[in-house]
């Protein structure tokens, strides 16, 4: 059960963490999301969210996306080893179902979990 939580240790918190991911990532992208990943030294997967107002104007839409991304990350965290991930949403993500969003994230996480360090 503890694996279902989203503790601080599983989050990218500082600007430096985000910068490290943006500087030289492995990348996975589709119409709805771009996911960037780099290896980290913490021994656990960490998630950062970059859901911009430009892509999702309304707070309710941004919050829905963030909730879904966090939920998907939590369910797959054990396969993600020691990667820092940043998920960015595109405006097209607002027009599809939660199930489609989950499937998209599952593909991204699987792809990035398999790629090397």
N, C-alpha and C. Protein backbone atom coordinates (compact mmCIF):
# COMPACT_ATOMS: atom_id res chain seq x y z
N UNK A 1 0.83 -1.20 0.00
CA UNK A 1 0.00 0.00 0.00
C UNK A 1 0.87 1.26 0.00
N UNK A 2 1.99 1.24 0.68
CA UNK A 2 2.82 2.44 0.76
C UNK A 2 3.29 2.88 -0.63
N UNK A 3 3.34 1.93 -1.58
CA UNK A 3 3.77 2.26 -2.93
C UNK A 3 2.74 3.12 -3.66
N UNK A 4 1.51 3.16 -3.18
CA UNK A 4 0.45 3.94 -3.82
C UNK A 4 0.53 5.41 -3.45
N UNK A 5 1.35 5.76 -2.48
CA UNK A 5 1.46 7.15 -2.07
C UNK A 5 2.35 7.92 -3.04
N UNK A 6 2.38 9.23 -2.85
CA UNK A 6 3.24 10.08 -3.67
C UNK A 6 4.04 10.98 -2.75
N UNK A 7 5.05 10.39 -2.05
CA UNK A 7 5.79 11.17 -1.04
C UNK A 7 6.70 12.22 -1.67
N UNK A 8 7.16 13.13 -0.84
CA UNK A 8 8.08 14.17 -1.33
C UNK A 8 9.30 13.57 -2.03
N UNK A 9 9.74 12.42 -1.53
CA UNK A 9 10.94 11.81 -2.11
C UNK A 9 10.69 11.34 -3.55
N UNK A 10 9.45 11.27 -3.97
CA UNK A 10 9.12 10.83 -5.33
C UNK A 10 8.83 12.02 -6.24
N UNK A 11 9.11 13.22 -5.76
CA UNK A 11 8.81 14.42 -6.56
C UNK A 11 10.09 15.17 -6.90
N UNK A 12 10.07 15.81 -8.06
CA UNK A 12 11.13 16.76 -8.39
C UNK A 12 10.70 18.08 -7.76
N UNK A 13 11.53 18.61 -6.88
CA UNK A 13 11.12 19.77 -6.11
C UNK A 13 11.84 21.05 -6.50
N UNK A 14 13.11 20.95 -6.86
CA UNK A 14 13.89 22.17 -7.07
C UNK A 14 14.04 22.50 -8.56
N UNK A 15 14.29 23.75 -8.82
CA UNK A 15 14.54 24.20 -10.20
C UNK A 15 15.73 23.45 -10.79
N UNK A 16 16.72 23.16 -9.95
CA UNK A 16 17.91 22.45 -10.43
C UNK A 16 17.55 21.04 -10.89
N UNK A 17 16.63 20.37 -10.17
CA UNK A 17 16.17 19.04 -10.59
C UNK A 17 15.53 19.11 -11.98
N UNK A 18 14.64 20.08 -12.16
CA UNK A 18 13.97 20.22 -13.45
C UNK A 18 14.98 20.55 -14.54
N UNK A 19 15.92 21.44 -14.24
CA UNK A 19 16.92 21.84 -15.24
C UNK A 19 17.73 20.63 -15.70
N UNK A 20 18.09 19.76 -14.75
CA UNK A 20 18.85 18.57 -15.10
C UNK A 20 18.08 17.70 -16.09
N UNK A 21 16.78 17.58 -15.90
CA UNK A 21 15.97 16.77 -16.80
C UNK A 21 15.87 17.45 -18.17
N UNK A 22 15.66 18.77 -18.18
CA UNK A 22 15.50 19.47 -19.45
C UNK A 22 16.81 19.55 -20.24
N UNK A 23 17.96 19.44 -19.55
CA UNK A 23 19.24 19.62 -20.24
C UNK A 23 19.62 18.48 -21.18
N UNK A 24 19.33 17.24 -20.83
CA UNK A 24 19.77 16.16 -21.72
C UNK A 24 18.92 14.91 -21.59
N UNK A 25 17.63 15.01 -21.88
CA UNK A 25 16.74 13.89 -21.56
C UNK A 25 16.62 12.84 -22.65
N UNK A 26 16.19 11.64 -22.24
CA UNK A 26 15.57 10.71 -23.18
C UNK A 26 14.13 11.22 -23.29
N UNK A 27 13.52 11.03 -24.44
CA UNK A 27 12.24 11.68 -24.69
C UNK A 27 11.26 10.69 -25.28
N UNK A 28 10.00 10.85 -24.87
CA UNK A 28 8.91 10.07 -25.45
C UNK A 28 7.75 11.04 -25.66
N UNK A 29 7.18 11.06 -26.86
CA UNK A 29 6.15 12.06 -27.14
C UNK A 29 5.04 11.47 -28.01
N UNK A 30 3.84 11.96 -27.80
CA UNK A 30 2.72 11.67 -28.70
C UNK A 30 1.87 12.94 -28.79
N UNK A 31 0.62 12.79 -29.26
CA UNK A 31 -0.22 13.97 -29.44
C UNK A 31 -0.60 14.63 -28.13
N UNK A 32 -0.53 13.87 -27.02
CA UNK A 32 -1.07 14.37 -25.76
C UNK A 32 -0.01 14.76 -24.75
N UNK A 33 1.09 14.04 -24.73
CA UNK A 33 2.12 14.30 -23.72
C UNK A 33 3.51 14.24 -24.33
N UNK A 34 4.43 14.96 -23.70
CA UNK A 34 5.85 14.74 -23.91
C UNK A 34 6.41 14.39 -22.53
N UNK A 35 7.15 13.28 -22.47
CA UNK A 35 7.74 12.86 -21.22
C UNK A 35 9.26 12.85 -21.40
N UNK A 36 9.96 13.54 -20.51
CA UNK A 36 11.42 13.60 -20.53
C UNK A 36 11.94 12.80 -19.35
N UNK A 37 13.06 12.10 -19.55
CA UNK A 37 13.60 11.28 -18.47
C UNK A 37 15.12 11.35 -18.46
N UNK A 38 15.70 11.41 -17.28
CA UNK A 38 17.14 11.24 -17.09
C UNK A 38 17.34 10.34 -15.88
N UNK A 39 18.47 9.65 -15.86
CA UNK A 39 18.79 8.82 -14.70
C UNK A 39 19.16 9.71 -13.52
N UNK A 40 18.87 9.23 -12.32
CA UNK A 40 19.28 9.97 -11.13
C UNK A 40 20.08 9.06 -10.21
N UNK A 41 20.60 9.62 -9.14
CA UNK A 41 21.44 8.87 -8.21
C UNK A 41 20.67 8.45 -6.95
N UNK A 42 19.39 8.75 -6.90
CA UNK A 42 18.64 8.51 -5.67
C UNK A 42 18.20 7.05 -5.52
N UNK A 43 18.21 6.29 -6.61
CA UNK A 43 17.76 4.91 -6.53
C UNK A 43 16.26 4.76 -6.59
N UNK A 44 15.55 5.85 -6.85
CA UNK A 44 14.09 5.77 -6.97
C UNK A 44 13.61 6.71 -8.06
N UNK A 45 12.45 6.40 -8.62
CA UNK A 45 11.87 7.25 -9.66
C UNK A 45 11.27 8.50 -9.01
N UNK A 46 11.43 9.64 -9.70
CA UNK A 46 10.83 10.89 -9.23
C UNK A 46 10.11 11.54 -10.39
N UNK A 47 9.04 12.26 -10.06
CA UNK A 47 8.18 12.86 -11.09
C UNK A 47 8.11 14.36 -10.93
N UNK A 48 8.17 15.06 -12.05
CA UNK A 48 7.91 16.49 -12.09
C UNK A 48 6.83 16.76 -13.11
N UNK A 49 5.98 17.75 -12.84
CA UNK A 49 4.89 18.08 -13.74
C UNK A 49 5.11 19.47 -14.32
N UNK A 50 4.92 19.59 -15.62
CA UNK A 50 5.01 20.90 -16.28
C UNK A 50 3.76 21.05 -17.14
N UNK A 51 2.67 21.43 -16.48
CA UNK A 51 1.38 21.58 -17.16
C UNK A 51 1.12 23.08 -17.27
N UNK A 52 1.31 23.63 -18.45
CA UNK A 52 1.29 25.08 -18.59
C UNK A 52 -0.12 25.63 -18.82
N UNK A 53 -0.30 26.88 -18.42
CA UNK A 53 -1.58 27.56 -18.66
C UNK A 53 -1.82 27.75 -20.15
N UNK A 54 -0.75 27.82 -20.90
CA UNK A 54 -0.89 27.97 -22.35
C UNK A 54 -1.57 26.73 -22.95
N UNK A 55 -1.24 25.56 -22.44
CA UNK A 55 -1.81 24.32 -22.96
C UNK A 55 -3.16 23.98 -22.32
N UNK A 56 -3.33 24.32 -21.05
CA UNK A 56 -4.58 24.02 -20.34
C UNK A 56 -4.99 25.28 -19.58
N UNK A 57 -5.84 26.07 -20.21
CA UNK A 57 -6.21 27.37 -19.68
C UNK A 57 -6.83 27.30 -18.28
N UNK A 58 -7.80 26.39 -18.13
CA UNK A 58 -8.58 26.37 -16.89
C UNK A 58 -7.89 25.53 -15.82
N UNK A 59 -7.93 26.01 -14.59
CA UNK A 59 -7.32 25.29 -13.48
C UNK A 59 -7.90 23.89 -13.34
N UNK A 60 -9.19 23.76 -13.57
CA UNK A 60 -9.82 22.45 -13.43
C UNK A 60 -9.22 21.45 -14.42
N UNK A 61 -8.88 21.91 -15.62
CA UNK A 61 -8.26 21.03 -16.62
C UNK A 61 -6.83 20.67 -16.22
N UNK A 62 -6.07 21.66 -15.76
CA UNK A 62 -4.69 21.39 -15.33
C UNK A 62 -4.69 20.41 -14.17
N UNK A 63 -5.59 20.60 -13.22
CA UNK A 63 -5.65 19.72 -12.06
C UNK A 63 -6.03 18.29 -12.45
N UNK A 64 -6.96 18.15 -13.38
CA UNK A 64 -7.34 16.81 -13.86
C UNK A 64 -6.13 16.11 -14.46
N UNK A 65 -5.39 16.81 -15.30
CA UNK A 65 -4.21 16.21 -15.93
C UNK A 65 -3.17 15.84 -14.87
N UNK A 66 -2.94 16.72 -13.93
CA UNK A 66 -1.93 16.44 -12.89
C UNK A 66 -2.33 15.23 -12.06
N UNK A 67 -3.62 15.16 -11.71
CA UNK A 67 -4.11 14.02 -10.93
C UNK A 67 -3.88 12.71 -11.68
N UNK A 68 -4.23 12.71 -12.96
CA UNK A 68 -4.07 11.51 -13.78
C UNK A 68 -2.61 11.11 -13.94
N UNK A 69 -1.75 12.08 -14.16
CA UNK A 69 -0.32 11.80 -14.33
C UNK A 69 0.25 11.22 -13.04
N UNK A 70 -0.09 11.84 -11.90
CA UNK A 70 0.41 11.33 -10.63
C UNK A 70 -0.08 9.91 -10.37
N UNK A 71 -1.36 9.66 -10.66
CA UNK A 71 -1.93 8.33 -10.45
C UNK A 71 -1.21 7.30 -11.33
N UNK A 72 -0.98 7.64 -12.57
CA UNK A 72 -0.31 6.73 -13.50
C UNK A 72 1.13 6.47 -13.04
N UNK A 73 1.81 7.52 -12.61
CA UNK A 73 3.18 7.40 -12.13
C UNK A 73 3.24 6.48 -10.90
N UNK A 74 2.32 6.70 -9.97
CA UNK A 74 2.29 5.87 -8.75
C UNK A 74 2.13 4.40 -9.10
N UNK A 75 1.26 4.10 -10.04
CA UNK A 75 0.99 2.70 -10.35
C UNK A 75 2.16 2.04 -11.07
N UNK A 76 3.04 2.83 -11.69
CA UNK A 76 4.15 2.25 -12.45
C UNK A 76 5.51 2.58 -11.86
N UNK A 77 5.53 3.21 -10.71
CA UNK A 77 6.80 3.69 -10.15
C UNK A 77 7.82 2.58 -9.97
N UNK A 78 7.34 1.40 -9.59
CA UNK A 78 8.28 0.30 -9.33
C UNK A 78 9.06 -0.10 -10.58
N UNK A 79 8.49 0.07 -11.77
CA UNK A 79 9.21 -0.30 -13.00
C UNK A 79 10.16 0.81 -13.47
N UNK A 80 10.06 1.97 -12.90
CA UNK A 80 10.80 3.12 -13.44
C UNK A 80 12.19 3.30 -12.85
N UNK A 81 12.61 2.38 -12.01
CA UNK A 81 13.97 2.39 -11.47
C UNK A 81 14.36 3.73 -10.89
N UNK A 82 15.46 4.27 -11.40
CA UNK A 82 16.01 5.51 -10.85
C UNK A 82 16.02 6.59 -11.93
N UNK A 83 14.82 6.95 -12.39
CA UNK A 83 14.69 7.99 -13.41
C UNK A 83 14.00 9.21 -12.82
N UNK A 84 14.46 10.39 -13.25
CA UNK A 84 13.71 11.62 -13.00
C UNK A 84 12.89 11.87 -14.26
N UNK A 85 11.59 12.03 -14.10
CA UNK A 85 10.69 12.22 -15.23
C UNK A 85 10.01 13.57 -15.13
N UNK A 86 9.88 14.25 -16.26
CA UNK A 86 9.05 15.46 -16.32
C UNK A 86 8.00 15.21 -17.39
N UNK A 87 6.73 15.36 -17.01
CA UNK A 87 5.63 15.17 -17.95
C UNK A 87 5.08 16.54 -18.32
N UNK A 88 4.99 16.77 -19.63
CA UNK A 88 4.39 18.00 -20.15
C UNK A 88 3.17 17.62 -20.97
N UNK A 89 2.08 18.35 -20.77
CA UNK A 89 0.84 18.05 -21.49
C UNK A 89 0.68 18.99 -22.67
N UNK A 90 -0.01 18.49 -23.69
CA UNK A 90 -0.39 19.33 -24.83
C UNK A 90 -1.88 19.61 -24.75
N UNK A 91 -2.33 20.63 -25.46
CA UNK A 91 -3.74 21.01 -25.36
C UNK A 91 -4.67 19.90 -25.84
N UNK A 92 -4.21 19.04 -26.74
CA UNK A 92 -5.05 17.94 -27.23
C UNK A 92 -5.43 16.99 -26.10
N UNK A 93 -4.65 16.96 -25.02
CA UNK A 93 -4.93 16.06 -23.91
C UNK A 93 -6.25 16.40 -23.23
N UNK A 94 -6.74 17.62 -23.40
CA UNK A 94 -7.97 18.02 -22.74
C UNK A 94 -9.20 17.39 -23.39
N UNK A 95 -9.06 16.93 -24.63
CA UNK A 95 -10.24 16.49 -25.37
C UNK A 95 -10.40 14.98 -25.43
N UNK A 96 -9.57 14.22 -24.69
CA UNK A 96 -9.72 12.77 -24.71
C UNK A 96 -10.06 12.24 -23.32
N UNK A 97 -10.46 10.99 -23.26
CA UNK A 97 -10.93 10.42 -22.00
C UNK A 97 -9.77 10.12 -21.06
N UNK A 98 -10.11 9.95 -19.78
CA UNK A 98 -9.10 9.59 -18.79
C UNK A 98 -8.44 8.27 -19.14
N UNK A 99 -9.21 7.31 -19.64
CA UNK A 99 -8.66 6.00 -20.00
C UNK A 99 -7.62 6.15 -21.12
N UNK A 100 -7.90 7.01 -22.10
CA UNK A 100 -6.94 7.23 -23.19
C UNK A 100 -5.68 7.91 -22.66
N UNK A 101 -5.84 8.84 -21.73
CA UNK A 101 -4.69 9.51 -21.14
C UNK A 101 -3.83 8.51 -20.37
N UNK A 102 -4.48 7.64 -19.58
CA UNK A 102 -3.74 6.62 -18.83
C UNK A 102 -2.97 5.70 -19.77
N UNK A 103 -3.60 5.29 -20.87
CA UNK A 103 -2.95 4.40 -21.83
C UNK A 103 -1.73 5.08 -22.44
N UNK A 104 -1.86 6.35 -22.76
CA UNK A 104 -0.75 7.11 -23.33
C UNK A 104 0.42 7.18 -22.33
N UNK A 105 0.12 7.51 -21.09
CA UNK A 105 1.16 7.61 -20.07
C UNK A 105 1.82 6.26 -19.84
N UNK A 106 1.02 5.20 -19.84
CA UNK A 106 1.55 3.84 -19.66
C UNK A 106 2.59 3.54 -20.74
N UNK A 107 2.28 3.91 -21.99
CA UNK A 107 3.22 3.68 -23.10
C UNK A 107 4.50 4.48 -22.89
N UNK A 108 4.37 5.74 -22.51
CA UNK A 108 5.56 6.57 -22.29
C UNK A 108 6.43 5.99 -21.18
N UNK A 109 5.81 5.66 -20.05
CA UNK A 109 6.58 5.16 -18.92
C UNK A 109 7.24 3.83 -19.27
N UNK A 110 6.53 2.96 -19.99
CA UNK A 110 7.12 1.67 -20.39
C UNK A 110 8.31 1.88 -21.31
N UNK A 111 8.15 2.79 -22.26
CA UNK A 111 9.23 3.07 -23.21
C UNK A 111 10.47 3.61 -22.48
N UNK A 112 10.25 4.55 -21.57
CA UNK A 112 11.38 5.18 -20.89
C UNK A 112 11.98 4.27 -19.83
N UNK A 113 11.18 3.39 -19.26
CA UNK A 113 11.71 2.45 -18.28
C UNK A 113 12.66 1.47 -18.96
N UNK A 114 12.36 1.12 -20.20
CA UNK A 114 13.19 0.17 -20.92
C UNK A 114 14.47 0.75 -21.48
N UNK A 115 14.51 2.07 -21.67
CA UNK A 115 15.71 2.65 -22.30
C UNK A 115 16.84 2.79 -21.31
N UNK A 116 18.04 2.72 -21.82
CA UNK A 116 19.23 2.58 -20.97
C UNK A 116 19.63 3.83 -20.22
N UNK A 117 20.66 3.67 -19.39
CA UNK A 117 21.18 4.77 -18.57
C UNK A 117 22.38 5.38 -19.25
